[in-house]
Structures are given as structure tokens and as C-alpha cells.
Amino acid sequence: MSDVKIEGFELKPGFKGMAEDTGSDQTMFKGVQWGKVMMWIFLLSDTFVFSCFLISYMKGRASTVVDWPNTSEVFSLHVGSVPVPLLLIAIMTFVLITSSGTMALAVKYGYEKNRKMCGWLILATAIGGLTFVGMQVFEWSKLIHEGVRPWENPFGAKQFGSYFFMITGFHGFHVSIGVIFLFIYAYKTFAGHFDKEKRGWFTTMKGGYVEIEILGLYWHFVDLVWVFIFAFFYLW
């Protein structure tokens, strides 16, 4: 069997050739923006971390002999004198999912070189993320005021508090980091850094609108993780 050439690169046949191609960024990742590849690798590793947290949560909840708190009651808000189950959580979820849509549009307008629309959409995404973090802070303060601690819980099983603060806190940390970068990227977009392919603050590499897509991958991941947290922690 003769060797195959793709875009000037000679690909050797068989498993040996496949191993060499996989180990060479010059072949397997030819034409792929390296920052995008590294973001995918980071998101894959972060998926394992969140998966471990959620699996641990399910194992802890299934093995406890004490009744698990009713999340519809724990996370309810009073509208007047009427308790509304999961009202705050529903609003938080809506805000975060909406911000994912504005981020997708920001990437679209970025590649179209529409700097103004791209910048405003990134800013809208950042405000959405900041709103989510603010509501999460309110949720934490409400439960702490009601006596929920990582080691104590007046609503039922003590493990509830530790799982709640660990999982939502770790996710909230991700959202907060994303919000910081969103505000930075909004500034860089309005300042025309991506149009000029200006070098970044902490790198010698030239930037471009592909950076917004890379940030978008991170933001969509954060939104997707929240969907699983919402389903497993709040609805179960």
C-alpha cells in the first residue's frame, strides 16, 4: 500500500502511521487554531471534574439514611405571602441560557467584522453572567441565614449543605472568571484590537476574532454544566 499525501504531508499507513499522525500537531491539527484546541482539552478535563462532583452527589444522596431536603421548599421564594418553588433558580437558568445565545451572536458578528454589534453582544453576555452571579450570592446568603452550612442543615440530611456549596460554588467560580474575561473582551472589541490583530497583554501572539469564539466555547460549556446541575440538584 502506497503512502498517502494530504496538503503536502506524507501519511504512513497502518497503526504505526496513525500513532505518528496523532502525536504530531503538524499533521493531525493542521489548519486548526491552537488556542481552540487547547480550550477543548481544558473543557474535557473540566468535564471530568464536574462529572466527579455530580456522581459523588448522587452517591451521597442515595446512601444517606436521613431524609433529603425537599428542594422545592428549600429554594422557594415568597411572592407576597405565597411561596413559589424554584422561582429564583428558574430566573437564574433563563438568564444564563439567554447569555449563551448572545454569546453565539457575538461570535457570528465577530467573524463578520461587525465590531459594534459584536462588542455590545459580548457586553450583554457579561451583564447576564454578572446577574447570574449576583442571584447566586443572594441564594447563598438566604440559605446561610436559614442555617445551612457545609457541616449542618436544618432541612434534613447534613450532606446537603456540603454538596450545595461545593457544586454551585465551583460552578459560580467558573462563571465569575468568564464574566471577567467577557468585560475584557468587550473592551478589546470596542477598542479595535481584534481588527488590528493586536498582540495580547500576556502573550506575544497576535489576536483575532477567533479569540471570541474560544471564549464562547468556555461560556457555552459553563451554561451546559448548569443545565446538569439544575436537573440533578434542583429538580431531583
Protein backbone atom coordinates (compact mmCIF):
# COMPACT_ATOMS: atom_id res chain seq x y z
CA MET A 1 0.00 0.00 0.00
CA SER A 2 1.43 3.37 -1.03
CA ASP A 3 1.73 6.30 1.34
CA VAL A 4 -0.94 9.00 1.17
CA LYS A 5 -0.14 12.69 0.93
CA ILE A 6 -2.51 15.35 2.29
CA GLU A 7 -1.66 19.01 1.88
CA GLY A 8 1.97 18.16 1.37
CA PHE A 9 2.23 15.84 4.36
CA GLU A 10 3.07 12.18 3.92
CA LEU A 11 0.79 9.90 5.93
CA LYS A 12 2.18 6.46 6.65
CA PRO A 13 -0.24 3.51 6.50
CA GLY A 14 -1.28 1.21 9.35
CA PHE A 15 -1.39 1.67 13.10
CA LYS A 16 2.17 2.95 13.19
CA GLY A 17 1.27 5.75 10.84
CA MET A 18 -1.85 6.58 12.84
CA ALA A 19 0.21 6.85 16.03
CA GLU A 20 2.70 9.17 14.35
CA ASP A 21 -0.07 11.35 12.90
CA THR A 22 -1.84 11.61 16.26
CA GLY A 23 1.35 12.63 18.01
CA SER A 24 2.13 15.37 15.50
CA ASP A 25 0.34 18.70 15.72
CA GLN A 26 1.71 19.48 12.25
CA THR A 27 -0.43 16.71 10.74
CA MET A 28 -3.47 15.96 12.82
CA PHE A 29 -4.16 19.58 13.81
CA LYS A 30 -3.04 21.16 10.56
CA GLY A 31 -5.03 24.36 9.99
CA VAL A 32 -6.68 24.29 13.44
CA GLN A 33 -6.18 27.35 15.66
CA TRP A 34 -4.02 26.13 18.53
CA GLY A 35 -5.86 28.15 21.17
CA LYS A 36 -9.10 26.45 20.16
CA VAL A 37 -7.54 23.01 20.52
CA MET A 38 -6.19 23.86 23.97
CA MET A 39 -9.60 25.17 25.06
CA TRP A 40 -11.24 21.90 24.02
CA ILE A 41 -8.62 19.98 26.02
CA PHE A 42 -9.26 22.19 29.06
CA LEU A 43 -13.04 21.74 28.75
CA LEU A 44 -12.61 17.97 28.51
CA SER A 45 -10.61 17.92 31.74
CA ASP A 46 -13.15 20.21 33.42
CA THR A 47 -15.93 17.85 32.33
CA PHE A 48 -14.29 15.08 34.34
CA VAL A 49 -14.17 17.31 37.44
CA PHE A 50 -17.84 18.30 37.25
CA SER A 51 -18.79 14.69 36.49
CA CYS A 52 -16.98 13.54 39.64
CA PHE A 53 -18.84 16.16 41.69
CA LEU A 54 -22.26 15.15 40.35
CA ILE A 55 -21.56 11.42 40.66
CA SER A 56 -20.41 11.97 44.25
CA TYR A 57 -23.58 13.95 44.91
CA MET A 58 -25.81 11.18 43.54
CA LYS A 59 -23.91 8.55 45.55
CA GLY A 60 -24.15 10.59 48.75
CA ARG A 61 -27.83 11.30 48.31
CA ALA A 62 -28.66 7.67 47.51
CA SER A 63 -26.73 6.33 50.51
CA THR A 64 -27.95 8.70 53.24
CA VAL A 65 -30.40 7.29 55.80
CA VAL A 66 -31.75 10.75 56.67
CA ASP A 67 -34.47 12.29 54.52
CA TRP A 68 -33.08 14.56 51.80
CA PRO A 69 -34.44 18.12 51.89
CA ASN A 70 -37.31 18.97 49.59
CA THR A 71 -35.62 21.33 47.11
CA SER A 72 -38.95 22.87 46.10
CA GLU A 73 -39.31 24.14 49.67
CA VAL A 74 -35.66 24.95 50.36
CA PHE A 75 -35.26 27.02 47.19
CA SER A 76 -38.67 28.69 47.18
CA LEU A 77 -39.22 32.44 47.29
CA HIS A 78 -42.24 34.25 48.70
CA VAL A 79 -44.18 36.46 46.31
CA GLY A 80 -46.26 38.36 48.79
CA SER A 81 -47.38 35.61 51.16
CA VAL A 82 -47.31 32.83 48.56
CA PRO A 83 -44.21 30.58 48.35
CA VAL A 84 -43.17 29.94 44.74
CA PRO A 85 -40.95 26.85 44.34
CA LEU A 86 -37.65 27.30 42.46
CA LEU A 87 -38.57 30.81 41.30
CA LEU A 88 -35.06 32.23 41.71
CA ILE A 89 -33.45 29.15 40.15
CA ALA A 90 -35.75 29.40 37.12
CA ILE A 91 -34.79 33.05 36.61
CA MET A 92 -31.09 32.23 37.02
CA THR A 93 -31.35 29.47 34.43
CA PHE A 94 -33.20 31.72 31.98
CA VAL A 95 -30.59 34.47 32.34
CA LEU A 96 -27.66 32.10 31.82
CA ILE A 97 -29.19 30.33 28.81
CA THR A 98 -30.06 33.70 27.26
CA SER A 99 -26.46 34.83 27.73
CA SER A 100 -25.37 31.77 25.77
CA GLY A 101 -27.49 33.00 22.85
CA THR A 102 -25.97 36.49 22.96
CA MET A 103 -22.50 34.92 23.05
CA ALA A 104 -23.26 32.87 19.93
CA LEU A 105 -24.42 36.02 18.15
CA ALA A 106 -21.26 37.84 19.28
CA VAL A 107 -19.14 35.15 17.60
CA LYS A 108 -21.22 35.47 14.42
CA TYR A 109 -20.85 39.25 14.22
CA GLY A 110 -17.19 38.97 15.15
CA TYR A 111 -16.41 36.84 12.12
CA GLU A 112 -18.43 39.28 10.02
CA LYS A 113 -16.11 42.07 11.29
CA ASN A 114 -19.10 43.93 12.75
CA ARG A 115 -17.19 45.35 15.68
CA LYS A 116 -20.02 47.40 17.19
CA MET A 117 -22.62 44.61 17.31
CA CYS A 118 -20.03 42.10 18.48
CA GLY A 119 -18.92 44.36 21.32
CA TRP A 120 -22.45 45.11 22.53
CA LEU A 121 -23.38 41.42 22.47
CA ILE A 122 -20.28 40.48 24.48
CA LEU A 123 -21.17 43.21 26.95
CA ALA A 124 -24.74 41.88 27.17
CA THR A 125 -23.35 38.40 27.82
CA ALA A 126 -21.12 39.77 30.58
CA ILE A 127 -24.06 41.57 32.21
CA GLY A 128 -26.10 38.36 32.05
CA GLY A 129 -23.30 36.41 33.71
CA LEU A 130 -22.88 39.10 36.37
CA THR A 131 -26.63 38.99 37.05
CA PHE A 132 -26.43 35.22 37.47
CA VAL A 133 -23.57 35.52 39.96
CA GLY A 134 -25.46 38.21 41.88
CA MET A 135 -28.54 36.00 42.18
CA GLN A 136 -26.35 33.10 43.29
CA VAL A 137 -24.86 35.29 46.02
CA PHE A 138 -28.41 36.12 47.14
CA GLU A 139 -29.28 32.41 47.15
CA TRP A 140 -26.23 31.57 49.26
CA SER A 141 -26.91 34.37 51.75
CA LYS A 142 -30.55 33.27 52.08
CA LEU A 143 -29.61 29.66 52.88
CA ILE A 144 -26.80 30.69 55.23
CA HIS A 145 -29.27 32.95 57.06
CA GLU A 146 -31.61 29.96 57.36
CA GLY A 147 -28.87 27.87 58.97
CA VAL A 148 -27.46 25.84 56.07
CA ARG A 149 -23.73 25.14 56.47
CA PRO A 150 -21.29 22.69 54.81
CA TRP A 151 -21.47 20.67 58.05
CA GLU A 152 -25.04 21.39 59.13
CA ASN A 153 -28.51 21.56 57.57
CA PRO A 154 -31.78 22.25 59.40
CA PHE A 155 -33.85 20.92 56.47
CA GLY A 156 -32.64 17.30 56.60
CA ALA A 157 -29.51 15.38 55.65
CA LYS A 158 -26.32 17.19 56.69
CA GLN A 159 -24.58 16.30 53.40
CA PHE A 160 -26.93 18.64 51.57
CA GLY A 161 -25.04 21.77 52.62
CA SER A 162 -21.60 20.47 51.69
CA TYR A 163 -22.73 19.30 48.26
CA PHE A 164 -24.64 22.52 47.61
CA PHE A 165 -21.78 24.89 48.44
CA MET A 166 -19.17 22.73 46.69
CA ILE A 167 -21.01 22.20 43.39
CA THR A 168 -22.69 25.58 42.99
CA GLY A 169 -19.60 27.37 44.32
CA PHE A 170 -17.29 25.68 41.84
CA HIS A 171 -19.66 26.50 39.00
CA GLY A 172 -20.09 30.07 40.23
CA PHE A 173 -16.30 30.44 40.24
CA HIS A 174 -16.25 29.42 36.57
CA VAL A 175 -18.98 31.92 35.74
CA SER A 176 -17.14 34.69 37.60
CA ILE A 177 -13.91 34.03 35.68
CA GLY A 178 -15.90 34.06 32.43
CA VAL A 179 -17.53 37.39 33.34
CA ILE A 180 -14.13 38.98 33.94
CA PHE A 181 -12.88 37.87 30.54
CA LEU A 182 -16.11 38.94 28.87
CA PHE A 183 -15.68 42.50 30.12
CA ILE A 184 -12.04 42.46 28.98
CA TYR A 185 -13.01 41.16 25.54
CA ALA A 186 -15.80 43.74 25.25
CA TYR A 187 -13.20 46.46 25.82
CA LYS A 188 -10.78 44.89 23.33
CA THR A 189 -13.55 44.62 20.73
CA PHE A 190 -14.66 48.24 21.05
CA ALA A 191 -11.00 49.34 21.01
CA GLY A 192 -10.47 47.52 17.70
CA HIS A 193 -7.77 45.16 18.97
CA PHE A 194 -9.16 42.21 17.03
CA ASP A 195 -9.44 44.19 13.79
CA LYS A 196 -5.79 45.25 14.10
CA GLU A 197 -4.77 41.75 15.31
CA LYS A 198 -3.06 43.43 18.24
CA ARG A 199 -0.93 41.25 20.48
CA GLY A 200 -2.47 40.18 23.78
CA TRP A 201 -1.48 41.51 27.18
CA PHE A 202 0.17 38.29 28.37
CA THR A 203 1.34 36.81 25.07
CA THR A 204 3.42 37.70 22.04
CA MET A 205 0.92 36.04 19.67
CA LYS A 206 -1.33 38.20 17.52
CA GLY A 207 -5.03 38.13 18.32
CA GLY A 208 -8.10 37.95 16.11
CA TYR A 209 -11.84 37.36 16.28
CA VAL A 210 -11.16 33.64 16.74
CA GLU A 211 -10.40 34.56 20.37
CA ILE A 212 -14.07 35.46 20.83
CA GLU A 213 -15.05 32.02 19.53
CA ILE A 214 -12.64 30.41 22.01
CA LEU A 215 -14.19 32.41 24.86
CA GLY A 216 -17.60 31.40 23.51
CA LEU A 217 -16.66 27.71 23.83
CA TYR A 218 -15.89 28.27 27.50
CA TRP A 219 -19.13 30.18 28.09
CA HIS A 220 -21.31 27.57 26.36
CA PHE A 221 -19.63 24.89 28.47
CA VAL A 222 -20.43 26.78 31.67
CA ASP A 223 -24.07 27.08 30.56
CA LEU A 224 -24.27 23.39 29.70
CA VAL A 225 -22.87 22.37 33.07
CA TRP A 226 -25.53 24.49 34.78
CA VAL A 227 -28.25 22.55 32.93
CA PHE A 228 -26.95 19.34 34.52
CA ILE A 229 -26.65 20.97 37.96
CA PHE A 230 -30.19 22.31 37.59
CA ALA A 231 -31.53 18.89 36.65
CA PHE A 232 -29.66 16.79 39.22
CA PHE A 233 -29.58 19.16 42.20
CA TYR A 234 -32.72 21.29 41.97
CA LEU A 235 -35.23 19.09 40.13
CA TRP A 236 -34.36 15.68 41.55
